[in-house]
């Protein structure tokens, strides 16, 4: 199975904007993922990387991803801070966090492997004892590690395979990462009692 020429598609869509257009695309996508709703950022990050699969461009996109996530999470945090959140909602959030393998901001690192905390900005605001500065530190570190690995694997494929084959292997790798993350999250929730076993 071969995928279409995604790098060529990116080039045609962003045309005259070139690398800056891809940067803005990745930034906005990560911002939306952190602020509003999930967007499969792993997939779109690697699609953006296919526009120019070089280390320098990958680092450029990594900066866009970190910036988008940090601003998105901070934005949601400040929105929730200004809303009167009912105490029962805070109690539910605290109870949920107590089920998790890590109960402080370091959970945002684990969240890169097993996504168990949706809308992290809201959680940071609601959960007792969580601080925004510490949380953003772990968010940034996790983003660099996860998407840095994806970028390096993609670079490997493009260095040793033809462009079309490299795109295919890269997308298979990314879909595998997404599926494994979801399965790991399901297993963790079930083991923690968040999801009851039948």
N, C-alpha and C. Protein backbone atom coordinates (compact mmCIF):
# COMPACT_ATOMS: atom_id res chain seq x y z
N UNK A 1 0.84 -1.19 0.00
CA UNK A 1 0.00 0.00 0.00
C UNK A 1 0.88 1.24 0.00
N UNK A 2 0.59 2.18 -0.92
CA UNK A 2 1.36 3.41 -0.99
C UNK A 2 0.44 4.59 -0.71
N UNK A 3 0.98 5.57 0.00
CA UNK A 3 0.22 6.78 0.30
C UNK A 3 0.49 7.81 -0.79
N UNK A 4 -0.42 8.78 -0.98
CA UNK A 4 -0.18 9.83 -1.97
C UNK A 4 1.01 10.70 -1.57
N UNK A 5 1.48 11.51 -2.50
CA UNK A 5 2.62 12.38 -2.26
C UNK A 5 2.21 13.52 -1.34
N UNK A 6 2.32 13.27 -0.03
CA UNK A 6 1.85 14.24 0.96
C UNK A 6 2.71 15.49 0.97
N UNK A 7 4.03 15.30 0.80
CA UNK A 7 4.91 16.47 0.75
C UNK A 7 4.53 17.39 -0.40
N UNK A 8 4.20 16.80 -1.55
CA UNK A 8 3.76 17.59 -2.69
C UNK A 8 2.44 18.29 -2.43
N UNK A 9 1.54 17.58 -1.73
CA UNK A 9 0.25 18.19 -1.37
C UNK A 9 0.45 19.39 -0.46
N UNK A 10 1.33 19.24 0.55
CA UNK A 10 1.62 20.36 1.46
C UNK A 10 2.16 21.54 0.70
N UNK A 11 3.06 21.25 -0.25
CA UNK A 11 3.66 22.32 -1.04
C UNK A 11 2.60 23.05 -1.87
N UNK A 12 1.66 22.29 -2.45
CA UNK A 12 0.63 22.93 -3.28
C UNK A 12 -0.35 23.74 -2.45
N UNK A 13 -0.67 23.26 -1.24
CA UNK A 13 -1.63 23.97 -0.38
C UNK A 13 -1.03 25.28 0.14
N UNK A 14 0.22 25.22 0.60
CA UNK A 14 0.81 26.40 1.21
C UNK A 14 1.60 27.26 0.23
N UNK A 15 1.83 26.71 -0.95
CA UNK A 15 2.39 27.44 -2.07
C UNK A 15 3.40 28.51 -1.73
N UNK A 16 3.03 29.77 -1.95
CA UNK A 16 3.99 30.87 -1.78
C UNK A 16 4.43 31.09 -0.33
N UNK A 17 3.71 30.53 0.62
CA UNK A 17 4.07 30.73 2.02
C UNK A 17 5.21 29.83 2.47
N UNK A 18 5.44 28.74 1.76
CA UNK A 18 6.57 27.86 2.02
C UNK A 18 6.67 27.39 3.45
N UNK A 19 7.88 27.41 3.98
CA UNK A 19 8.16 26.91 5.33
C UNK A 19 7.39 27.67 6.39
N UNK A 20 7.20 28.99 6.20
CA UNK A 20 6.46 29.78 7.18
C UNK A 20 5.00 29.32 7.24
N UNK A 21 4.44 28.98 6.07
CA UNK A 21 3.08 28.47 6.04
C UNK A 21 2.95 27.17 6.80
N UNK A 22 3.92 26.27 6.63
CA UNK A 22 3.89 25.00 7.36
C UNK A 22 4.04 25.24 8.85
N UNK A 23 4.92 26.16 9.23
CA UNK A 23 5.12 26.52 10.64
C UNK A 23 3.79 26.99 11.25
N UNK A 24 3.10 27.88 10.55
CA UNK A 24 1.82 28.41 11.05
C UNK A 24 0.78 27.29 11.13
N UNK A 25 0.77 26.41 10.13
CA UNK A 25 -0.15 25.28 10.11
C UNK A 25 0.05 24.40 11.35
N UNK A 26 1.30 24.03 11.64
CA UNK A 26 1.60 23.18 12.79
C UNK A 26 1.30 23.91 14.09
N UNK A 27 1.67 25.18 14.17
CA UNK A 27 1.40 25.97 15.38
C UNK A 27 -0.10 26.00 15.68
N UNK A 28 -0.91 26.33 14.66
CA UNK A 28 -2.36 26.42 14.85
C UNK A 28 -2.96 25.07 15.21
N UNK A 29 -2.46 24.01 14.59
CA UNK A 29 -2.99 22.68 14.86
C UNK A 29 -2.73 22.26 16.31
N UNK A 30 -1.51 22.51 16.80
CA UNK A 30 -1.20 22.17 18.19
C UNK A 30 -1.94 23.09 19.16
N UNK A 31 -2.13 24.34 18.77
CA UNK A 31 -2.90 25.28 19.59
C UNK A 31 -4.33 24.80 19.75
N UNK A 32 -4.96 24.40 18.64
CA UNK A 32 -6.33 23.89 18.67
C UNK A 32 -6.41 22.60 19.48
N UNK A 33 -5.42 21.72 19.31
CA UNK A 33 -5.40 20.46 20.05
C UNK A 33 -5.36 20.70 21.56
N UNK A 34 -4.60 21.68 22.01
CA UNK A 34 -4.47 21.95 23.43
C UNK A 34 -5.63 22.77 23.98
N UNK A 35 -6.25 23.58 23.12
CA UNK A 35 -7.24 24.56 23.58
C UNK A 35 -8.68 24.13 23.39
N UNK A 36 -8.98 23.43 22.27
CA UNK A 36 -10.38 23.20 21.92
C UNK A 36 -10.74 21.72 21.82
N UNK A 37 -10.11 20.98 20.88
CA UNK A 37 -10.44 19.56 20.70
C UNK A 37 -9.26 18.82 20.10
N UNK A 38 -9.20 17.48 20.30
CA UNK A 38 -8.07 16.69 19.78
C UNK A 38 -7.99 16.74 18.26
N UNK A 39 -6.76 16.78 17.74
CA UNK A 39 -6.55 16.92 16.28
C UNK A 39 -5.58 15.90 15.69
N UNK A 40 -5.22 14.85 16.41
CA UNK A 40 -4.19 13.91 15.97
C UNK A 40 -2.90 14.65 15.59
N UNK A 41 -2.29 15.36 16.53
CA UNK A 41 -1.11 16.17 16.22
C UNK A 41 0.07 15.36 15.69
N UNK A 42 0.20 14.09 16.13
CA UNK A 42 1.31 13.27 15.64
C UNK A 42 1.25 13.14 14.12
N UNK A 43 0.06 12.90 13.61
CA UNK A 43 -0.11 12.71 12.17
C UNK A 43 0.22 13.99 11.42
N UNK A 44 -0.32 15.11 11.87
CA UNK A 44 -0.11 16.35 11.14
C UNK A 44 1.30 16.90 11.30
N UNK A 45 1.94 16.59 12.44
CA UNK A 45 3.34 16.99 12.60
C UNK A 45 4.20 16.31 11.54
N UNK A 46 3.99 15.02 11.36
CA UNK A 46 4.82 14.29 10.41
C UNK A 46 4.46 14.65 8.97
N UNK A 47 3.19 15.00 8.72
CA UNK A 47 2.81 15.48 7.39
C UNK A 47 3.53 16.80 7.11
N UNK A 48 3.57 17.68 8.11
CA UNK A 48 4.31 18.93 7.95
C UNK A 48 5.79 18.70 7.70
N UNK A 49 6.35 17.71 8.41
CA UNK A 49 7.77 17.40 8.26
C UNK A 49 8.09 16.89 6.86
N UNK A 50 7.13 16.20 6.24
CA UNK A 50 7.34 15.68 4.89
C UNK A 50 7.51 16.77 3.85
N UNK A 51 7.10 17.97 4.17
CA UNK A 51 7.28 19.09 3.25
C UNK A 51 8.77 19.31 2.98
N UNK A 52 9.58 19.13 4.04
CA UNK A 52 11.04 19.29 3.92
C UNK A 52 11.69 18.42 4.99
N UNK A 53 11.91 17.13 4.71
CA UNK A 53 12.39 16.19 5.74
C UNK A 53 13.88 16.34 6.07
N UNK A 54 14.23 17.52 6.58
CA UNK A 54 15.60 17.77 7.03
C UNK A 54 15.58 18.06 8.52
N UNK A 55 16.72 17.86 9.17
CA UNK A 55 16.81 18.07 10.61
C UNK A 55 16.51 19.52 10.97
N UNK A 56 17.04 20.47 10.20
CA UNK A 56 16.83 21.88 10.51
C UNK A 56 15.36 22.25 10.43
N UNK A 57 14.67 21.76 9.40
CA UNK A 57 13.25 22.06 9.27
C UNK A 57 12.45 21.35 10.35
N UNK A 58 12.88 20.13 10.71
CA UNK A 58 12.22 19.40 11.78
C UNK A 58 12.29 20.14 13.11
N UNK A 59 13.45 20.73 13.41
CA UNK A 59 13.60 21.51 14.64
C UNK A 59 12.73 22.76 14.59
N UNK A 60 12.62 23.34 13.41
CA UNK A 60 11.76 24.50 13.18
C UNK A 60 10.31 24.14 13.51
N UNK A 61 9.85 22.98 13.03
CA UNK A 61 8.49 22.53 13.31
C UNK A 61 8.31 22.14 14.77
N UNK A 62 9.36 21.58 15.36
CA UNK A 62 9.29 21.23 16.78
C UNK A 62 9.05 22.48 17.63
N UNK A 63 9.69 23.57 17.24
CA UNK A 63 9.45 24.84 17.92
C UNK A 63 8.01 25.29 17.79
N UNK A 64 7.43 25.09 16.59
CA UNK A 64 6.02 25.45 16.38
C UNK A 64 5.11 24.61 17.25
N UNK A 65 5.42 23.30 17.36
CA UNK A 65 4.61 22.39 18.17
C UNK A 65 4.64 22.79 19.65
N UNK A 66 5.83 23.05 20.17
CA UNK A 66 5.97 23.43 21.58
C UNK A 66 5.25 24.74 21.84
N UNK A 67 5.45 25.71 20.95
CA UNK A 67 4.83 27.02 21.11
C UNK A 67 3.31 26.91 21.09
N UNK A 68 2.78 26.13 20.13
CA UNK A 68 1.34 25.96 20.04
C UNK A 68 0.76 25.31 21.28
N UNK A 69 1.42 24.26 21.78
CA UNK A 69 0.92 23.56 22.97
C UNK A 69 0.98 24.45 24.21
N UNK A 70 2.09 25.13 24.39
CA UNK A 70 2.25 25.97 25.59
C UNK A 70 1.22 27.10 25.59
N UNK A 71 1.03 27.75 24.46
CA UNK A 71 0.05 28.84 24.39
C UNK A 71 -1.37 28.30 24.54
N UNK A 72 -1.66 27.16 23.90
CA UNK A 72 -2.99 26.57 24.01
C UNK A 72 -3.33 26.14 25.42
N UNK A 73 -2.42 25.46 26.08
CA UNK A 73 -2.66 25.01 27.46
C UNK A 73 -2.76 26.20 28.40
N UNK A 74 -1.89 27.19 28.21
CA UNK A 74 -1.95 28.40 29.05
C UNK A 74 -3.27 29.14 28.84
N UNK A 75 -3.70 29.22 27.57
CA UNK A 75 -4.96 29.91 27.27
C UNK A 75 -6.15 29.24 27.94
N UNK A 76 -6.22 27.92 27.85
CA UNK A 76 -7.32 27.19 28.49
C UNK A 76 -7.24 27.33 30.01
N UNK A 77 -6.03 27.31 30.54
CA UNK A 77 -5.83 27.48 31.98
C UNK A 77 -6.42 28.82 32.45
N UNK A 78 -6.09 29.90 31.75
CA UNK A 78 -6.56 31.23 32.16
C UNK A 78 -8.06 31.39 31.96
N UNK A 79 -8.63 30.72 30.96
CA UNK A 79 -10.08 30.75 30.78
C UNK A 79 -10.76 30.08 31.97
N UNK A 80 -10.28 28.89 32.35
CA UNK A 80 -10.89 28.16 33.47
C UNK A 80 -10.67 28.90 34.78
N UNK A 81 -9.52 29.55 34.92
CA UNK A 81 -9.25 30.32 36.14
C UNK A 81 -10.27 31.43 36.36
N UNK A 82 -10.82 31.95 35.27
CA UNK A 82 -11.76 33.06 35.35
C UNK A 82 -13.22 32.61 35.38
N UNK A 83 -13.41 31.30 35.38
CA UNK A 83 -14.76 30.74 35.45
C UNK A 83 -14.97 30.15 36.84
N UNK A 84 -16.18 30.32 37.36
CA UNK A 84 -16.50 29.74 38.67
C UNK A 84 -16.78 28.25 38.49
N UNK A 85 -15.74 27.43 38.72
CA UNK A 85 -15.88 25.98 38.57
C UNK A 85 -16.54 25.41 39.82
N UNK A 86 -17.66 24.68 39.65
CA UNK A 86 -18.32 24.09 40.82
C UNK A 86 -17.39 23.16 41.60
N UNK A 87 -17.54 23.15 42.89
CA UNK A 87 -16.68 22.33 43.74
C UNK A 87 -16.79 20.86 43.40
N UNK A 88 -17.97 20.41 43.00
CA UNK A 88 -18.14 18.99 42.67
C UNK A 88 -17.30 18.60 41.46
N UNK A 89 -17.12 19.55 40.52
CA UNK A 89 -16.26 19.29 39.36
C UNK A 89 -14.81 19.16 39.82
N UNK A 90 -14.39 20.03 40.72
CA UNK A 90 -13.03 19.95 41.26
C UNK A 90 -12.82 18.63 42.00
N UNK A 91 -13.84 18.20 42.74
CA UNK A 91 -13.73 16.93 43.47
C UNK A 91 -13.58 15.75 42.52
N UNK A 92 -14.33 15.78 41.41
CA UNK A 92 -14.23 14.71 40.42
C UNK A 92 -12.83 14.70 39.80
N UNK A 93 -12.30 15.90 39.47
CA UNK A 93 -10.96 15.99 38.88
C UNK A 93 -9.90 15.49 39.85
N UNK A 94 -10.02 15.87 41.14
CA UNK A 94 -9.06 15.41 42.14
C UNK A 94 -9.13 13.89 42.31
N UNK A 95 -10.35 13.35 42.30
CA UNK A 95 -10.52 11.91 42.44
C UNK A 95 -9.92 11.18 41.24
N UNK A 96 -10.12 11.74 40.05
CA UNK A 96 -9.56 11.13 38.84
C UNK A 96 -8.04 11.11 38.89
N UNK A 97 -7.44 12.22 39.29
CA UNK A 97 -5.97 12.31 39.37
C UNK A 97 -5.43 11.32 40.39
N UNK A 98 -6.16 11.10 41.46
CA UNK A 98 -5.70 10.16 42.50
C UNK A 98 -5.65 8.72 42.01
N UNK A 99 -6.37 8.42 40.92
CA UNK A 99 -6.32 7.08 40.32
C UNK A 99 -5.09 6.90 39.44
N UNK A 100 -4.47 8.00 39.04
CA UNK A 100 -3.41 7.93 38.04
C UNK A 100 -2.10 7.44 38.65
N UNK A 101 -1.22 6.96 37.76
CA UNK A 101 0.07 6.41 38.20
C UNK A 101 0.96 7.49 38.82
N UNK A 102 0.87 8.71 38.32
CA UNK A 102 1.60 9.86 38.86
C UNK A 102 0.56 10.92 39.18
N UNK A 103 0.64 11.54 40.35
CA UNK A 103 -0.43 12.41 40.82
C UNK A 103 -0.10 13.89 40.76
N UNK A 104 1.09 14.23 40.27
CA UNK A 104 1.41 15.65 40.14
C UNK A 104 1.65 16.00 38.67
N UNK A 105 2.28 17.16 38.45
CA UNK A 105 2.43 17.65 37.07
C UNK A 105 3.25 16.73 36.18
N UNK A 106 4.03 15.84 36.77
CA UNK A 106 4.80 14.88 35.96
C UNK A 106 3.90 13.96 35.15
N UNK A 107 2.62 13.90 35.54
CA UNK A 107 1.66 13.09 34.78
C UNK A 107 1.55 13.58 33.35
N UNK A 108 1.88 14.83 33.11
CA UNK A 108 1.82 15.37 31.75
C UNK A 108 2.91 14.79 30.86
N UNK A 109 3.97 14.27 31.47
CA UNK A 109 4.97 13.50 30.71
C UNK A 109 4.43 12.13 30.36
N UNK A 110 3.80 11.47 31.34
CA UNK A 110 3.20 10.16 31.10
C UNK A 110 2.10 10.29 30.04
N UNK A 111 1.45 11.42 30.04
CA UNK A 111 0.35 11.68 29.11
C UNK A 111 0.79 11.60 27.65
N UNK A 112 2.09 11.78 27.41
CA UNK A 112 2.62 11.65 26.04
C UNK A 112 2.59 10.21 25.56
N UNK A 113 2.73 9.28 26.50
CA UNK A 113 2.73 7.86 26.15
C UNK A 113 1.31 7.31 26.20
N UNK A 114 0.61 7.64 27.28
CA UNK A 114 -0.77 7.18 27.47
C UNK A 114 -1.64 8.40 27.73
N UNK A 115 -2.34 8.90 26.72
CA UNK A 115 -3.15 10.12 26.90
C UNK A 115 -4.33 9.89 27.82
N UNK A 116 -4.18 10.31 29.08
CA UNK A 116 -5.20 10.09 30.10
C UNK A 116 -5.76 11.40 30.64
N UNK A 117 -5.15 12.52 30.26
CA UNK A 117 -5.62 13.83 30.74
C UNK A 117 -6.02 14.68 29.54
N UNK A 118 -7.31 14.74 29.22
CA UNK A 118 -7.76 15.64 28.16
C UNK A 118 -7.83 17.07 28.69
N UNK A 119 -7.71 18.03 27.80
CA UNK A 119 -7.82 19.44 28.19
C UNK A 119 -6.93 19.75 29.39
N UNK A 120 -5.63 19.54 29.19
CA UNK A 120 -4.66 19.66 30.29
C UNK A 120 -4.71 21.03 30.96
N UNK A 121 -4.95 22.09 30.19
CA UNK A 121 -5.01 23.42 30.79
C UNK A 121 -6.09 23.53 31.85
N UNK A 122 -7.25 22.91 31.59
CA UNK A 122 -8.33 22.93 32.58
C UNK A 122 -7.94 22.12 33.81
N UNK A 123 -7.32 20.96 33.61
CA UNK A 123 -6.89 20.13 34.74
C UNK A 123 -5.89 20.88 35.61
N UNK A 124 -4.95 21.56 34.99
CA UNK A 124 -3.94 22.29 35.76
C UNK A 124 -4.59 23.34 36.64
N UNK A 125 -5.64 23.98 36.13
CA UNK A 125 -6.34 25.00 36.90
C UNK A 125 -7.17 24.40 38.03
N UNK A 126 -7.80 23.26 37.77
CA UNK A 126 -8.78 22.70 38.71
C UNK A 126 -8.15 21.87 39.81
N UNK A 127 -7.14 21.06 39.46
CA UNK A 127 -6.59 20.09 40.43
C UNK A 127 -5.78 20.81 41.50
N UNK A 128 -6.05 20.46 42.75
CA UNK A 128 -5.36 21.06 43.88
C UNK A 128 -3.86 20.75 43.83
N UNK A 129 -3.05 21.78 44.02
CA UNK A 129 -1.60 21.60 44.13
C UNK A 129 -0.84 21.65 42.81
N UNK A 130 -1.55 21.66 41.67
CA UNK A 130 -0.86 21.74 40.39
C UNK A 130 -0.54 23.19 40.06
N UNK A 131 0.68 23.43 39.59
CA UNK A 131 1.12 24.77 39.23
C UNK A 131 1.36 24.86 37.73
N UNK A 132 0.99 26.00 37.16
CA UNK A 132 1.10 26.18 35.72
C UNK A 132 2.55 26.13 35.25
N UNK A 133 3.47 26.78 35.96
CA UNK A 133 4.86 26.82 35.50
C UNK A 133 5.47 25.42 35.45
N UNK A 134 5.25 24.63 36.51
CA UNK A 134 5.76 23.26 36.50
C UNK A 134 5.11 22.43 35.40
N UNK A 135 3.81 22.60 35.25
CA UNK A 135 3.08 21.84 34.24
C UNK A 135 3.60 22.15 32.84
N UNK A 136 3.82 23.42 32.54
CA UNK A 136 4.30 23.81 31.21
C UNK A 136 5.71 23.29 30.96
N UNK A 137 6.50 23.19 32.00
CA UNK A 137 7.84 22.61 31.86
C UNK A 137 7.74 21.16 31.39
N UNK A 138 6.88 20.37 32.02
CA UNK A 138 6.72 18.97 31.63
C UNK A 138 6.03 18.83 30.27
N UNK A 139 5.13 19.74 29.96
CA UNK A 139 4.50 19.74 28.64
C UNK A 139 5.55 19.94 27.55
N UNK A 140 6.42 20.95 27.75
CA UNK A 140 7.45 21.25 26.76
C UNK A 140 8.44 20.10 26.61
N UNK A 141 8.89 19.54 27.75
CA UNK A 141 9.83 18.41 27.70
C UNK A 141 9.20 17.22 26.98
N UNK A 142 7.95 16.91 27.31
CA UNK A 142 7.27 15.80 26.68
C UNK A 142 7.08 16.01 25.19
N UNK A 143 6.78 17.23 24.80
CA UNK A 143 6.59 17.56 23.38
C UNK A 143 7.90 17.37 22.61
N UNK A 144 8.98 17.87 23.17
CA UNK A 144 10.29 17.74 22.51
C UNK A 144 10.69 16.27 22.38
N UNK A 145 10.47 15.49 23.44
CA UNK A 145 10.86 14.07 23.40
C UNK A 145 10.02 13.29 22.39
N UNK A 146 8.71 13.42 22.48
CA UNK A 146 7.83 12.62 21.62
C UNK A 146 7.98 13.00 20.16
N UNK A 147 7.88 14.28 19.85
CA UNK A 147 7.92 14.69 18.45
C UNK A 147 9.34 14.71 17.91
N UNK A 148 10.32 14.83 18.82
CA UNK A 148 11.71 14.68 18.40
C UNK A 148 11.99 13.27 17.93
N UNK A 149 11.45 12.28 18.65
CA UNK A 149 11.62 10.87 18.24
C UNK A 149 10.91 10.62 16.92
N UNK A 150 9.70 11.14 16.77
CA UNK A 150 8.97 10.98 15.51
C UNK A 150 9.76 11.60 14.36
N UNK A 151 10.33 12.78 14.61
CA UNK A 151 11.11 13.47 13.58
C UNK A 151 12.36 12.66 13.21
N UNK A 152 13.05 12.13 14.21
CA UNK A 152 14.27 11.36 13.93
C UNK A 152 13.96 10.07 13.18
N UNK A 153 12.88 9.41 13.54
CA UNK A 153 12.49 8.20 12.81
C UNK A 153 12.13 8.54 11.36
N UNK A 154 11.42 9.64 11.18
CA UNK A 154 11.07 10.07 9.82
C UNK A 154 12.32 10.39 9.02
N UNK A 155 13.29 11.06 9.65
CA UNK A 155 14.56 11.38 8.98
C UNK A 155 15.27 10.11 8.55
N UNK A 156 15.23 9.10 9.41
CA UNK A 156 15.86 7.81 9.07
C UNK A 156 15.21 7.21 7.83
N UNK A 157 13.88 7.20 7.79
CA UNK A 157 13.18 6.63 6.63
C UNK A 157 13.51 7.39 5.35
N UNK A 158 13.56 8.71 5.44
CA UNK A 158 13.85 9.51 4.25
C UNK A 158 15.31 9.40 3.82
N UNK A 159 16.19 9.08 4.77
CA UNK A 159 17.61 8.94 4.44
C UNK A 159 17.90 7.62 3.74
N UNK A 160 17.12 6.57 4.05
CA UNK A 160 17.46 5.24 3.54
C UNK A 160 16.46 4.64 2.56
N UNK A 161 15.36 5.35 2.31
CA UNK A 161 14.36 4.83 1.37
C UNK A 161 13.97 5.92 0.38
N UNK A 162 13.34 5.50 -0.69
CA UNK A 162 12.85 6.48 -1.66
C UNK A 162 11.78 7.35 -0.99
N UNK A 163 11.49 8.49 -1.60
CA UNK A 163 10.55 9.44 -1.00
C UNK A 163 9.18 8.82 -0.75
N UNK A 164 8.64 8.10 -1.73
CA UNK A 164 7.30 7.52 -1.55
C UNK A 164 7.32 6.42 -0.50
N UNK A 165 8.35 5.58 -0.50
CA UNK A 165 8.45 4.52 0.51
C UNK A 165 8.64 5.12 1.90
N UNK A 166 9.45 6.18 1.99
CA UNK A 166 9.69 6.83 3.27
C UNK A 166 8.40 7.40 3.84
N UNK A 167 7.58 8.00 2.96
CA UNK A 167 6.29 8.52 3.42
C UNK A 167 5.41 7.40 3.96
N UNK A 168 5.39 6.28 3.25
CA UNK A 168 4.58 5.14 3.68
C UNK A 168 5.04 4.63 5.04
N UNK A 169 6.35 4.39 5.20
CA UNK A 169 6.88 3.87 6.46
C UNK A 169 6.67 4.87 7.60
N UNK A 170 6.82 6.16 7.30
CA UNK A 170 6.64 7.18 8.32
C UNK A 170 5.20 7.20 8.82
N UNK A 171 4.25 7.16 7.91
CA UNK A 171 2.84 7.18 8.31
C UNK A 171 2.45 5.91 9.06
N UNK A 172 2.98 4.76 8.64
CA UNK A 172 2.72 3.52 9.38
C UNK A 172 3.28 3.63 10.80
N UNK A 173 4.48 4.19 10.92
CA UNK A 173 5.10 4.38 12.24
C UNK A 173 4.24 5.28 13.12
N UNK A 174 3.77 6.40 12.55
CA UNK A 174 2.98 7.35 13.33
C UNK A 174 1.64 6.75 13.75
N UNK A 175 0.97 6.05 12.82
CA UNK A 175 -0.29 5.39 13.18
C UNK A 175 -0.06 4.34 14.26
N UNK A 176 1.08 3.66 14.22
CA UNK A 176 1.41 2.68 15.25
C UNK A 176 1.58 3.36 16.61
N UNK A 177 2.25 4.51 16.62
CA UNK A 177 2.44 5.27 17.85
C UNK A 177 1.09 5.67 18.44
N UNK A 178 0.18 6.16 17.59
CA UNK A 178 -1.14 6.59 18.05
C UNK A 178 -1.92 5.41 18.63
N UNK A 179 -1.92 4.29 17.92
CA UNK A 179 -2.67 3.11 18.37
C UNK A 179 -2.11 2.56 19.67
N UNK A 180 -0.78 2.45 19.75
CA UNK A 180 -0.14 1.94 20.97
C UNK A 180 -0.44 2.85 22.15
N UNK A 181 -0.41 4.18 21.93
CA UNK A 181 -0.71 5.13 22.99
C UNK A 181 -2.13 4.95 23.51
N UNK A 182 -3.08 4.79 22.58
CA UNK A 182 -4.48 4.61 22.98
C UNK A 182 -4.68 3.30 23.75
N UNK A 183 -4.02 2.23 23.28
CA UNK A 183 -4.12 0.94 23.97
C UNK A 183 -3.49 1.01 25.36
N UNK A 184 -2.36 1.70 25.45
CA UNK A 184 -1.69 1.84 26.74
C UNK A 184 -2.55 2.65 27.71
N UNK A 185 -3.19 3.71 27.19
CA UNK A 185 -4.06 4.52 28.03
C UNK A 185 -5.25 3.71 28.52
N UNK A 186 -5.83 2.91 27.63
CA UNK A 186 -6.97 2.06 28.01
C UNK A 186 -6.55 1.08 29.10
N UNK A 187 -5.37 0.47 28.92
CA UNK A 187 -4.88 -0.50 29.90
C UNK A 187 -4.63 0.15 31.24
N UNK A 188 -4.05 1.36 31.24
CA UNK A 188 -3.78 2.06 32.49
C UNK A 188 -5.08 2.43 33.20
N UNK A 189 -6.08 2.90 32.43
CA UNK A 189 -7.36 3.28 33.04
C UNK A 189 -8.06 2.06 33.63
N UNK A 190 -7.97 0.95 32.90
CA UNK A 190 -8.61 -0.27 33.39
C UNK A 190 -7.91 -0.77 34.65
N UNK A 191 -6.59 -0.74 34.64
CA UNK A 191 -5.84 -1.20 35.81
C UNK A 191 -6.07 -0.30 37.01
N UNK A 192 -6.28 1.00 36.75
CA UNK A 192 -6.49 1.95 37.85
C UNK A 192 -7.92 1.94 38.35
N UNK A 193 -8.81 1.26 37.62
CA UNK A 193 -10.20 1.22 38.04
C UNK A 193 -11.04 2.32 37.45
N UNK A 194 -10.45 3.16 36.58
CA UNK A 194 -11.21 4.23 35.93
C UNK A 194 -12.20 3.63 34.95
N UNK A 195 -11.78 2.55 34.28
CA UNK A 195 -12.67 1.78 33.42
C UNK A 195 -12.88 0.43 34.08
N UNK A 196 -14.11 0.09 34.34
CA UNK A 196 -14.41 -1.18 35.01
C UNK A 196 -14.27 -2.33 34.02
N UNK A 197 -13.64 -3.41 34.47
CA UNK A 197 -13.54 -4.60 33.64
C UNK A 197 -14.85 -5.37 33.69
N UNK A 198 -15.18 -6.01 32.55
CA UNK A 198 -16.46 -6.75 32.49
C UNK A 198 -16.31 -8.12 33.12
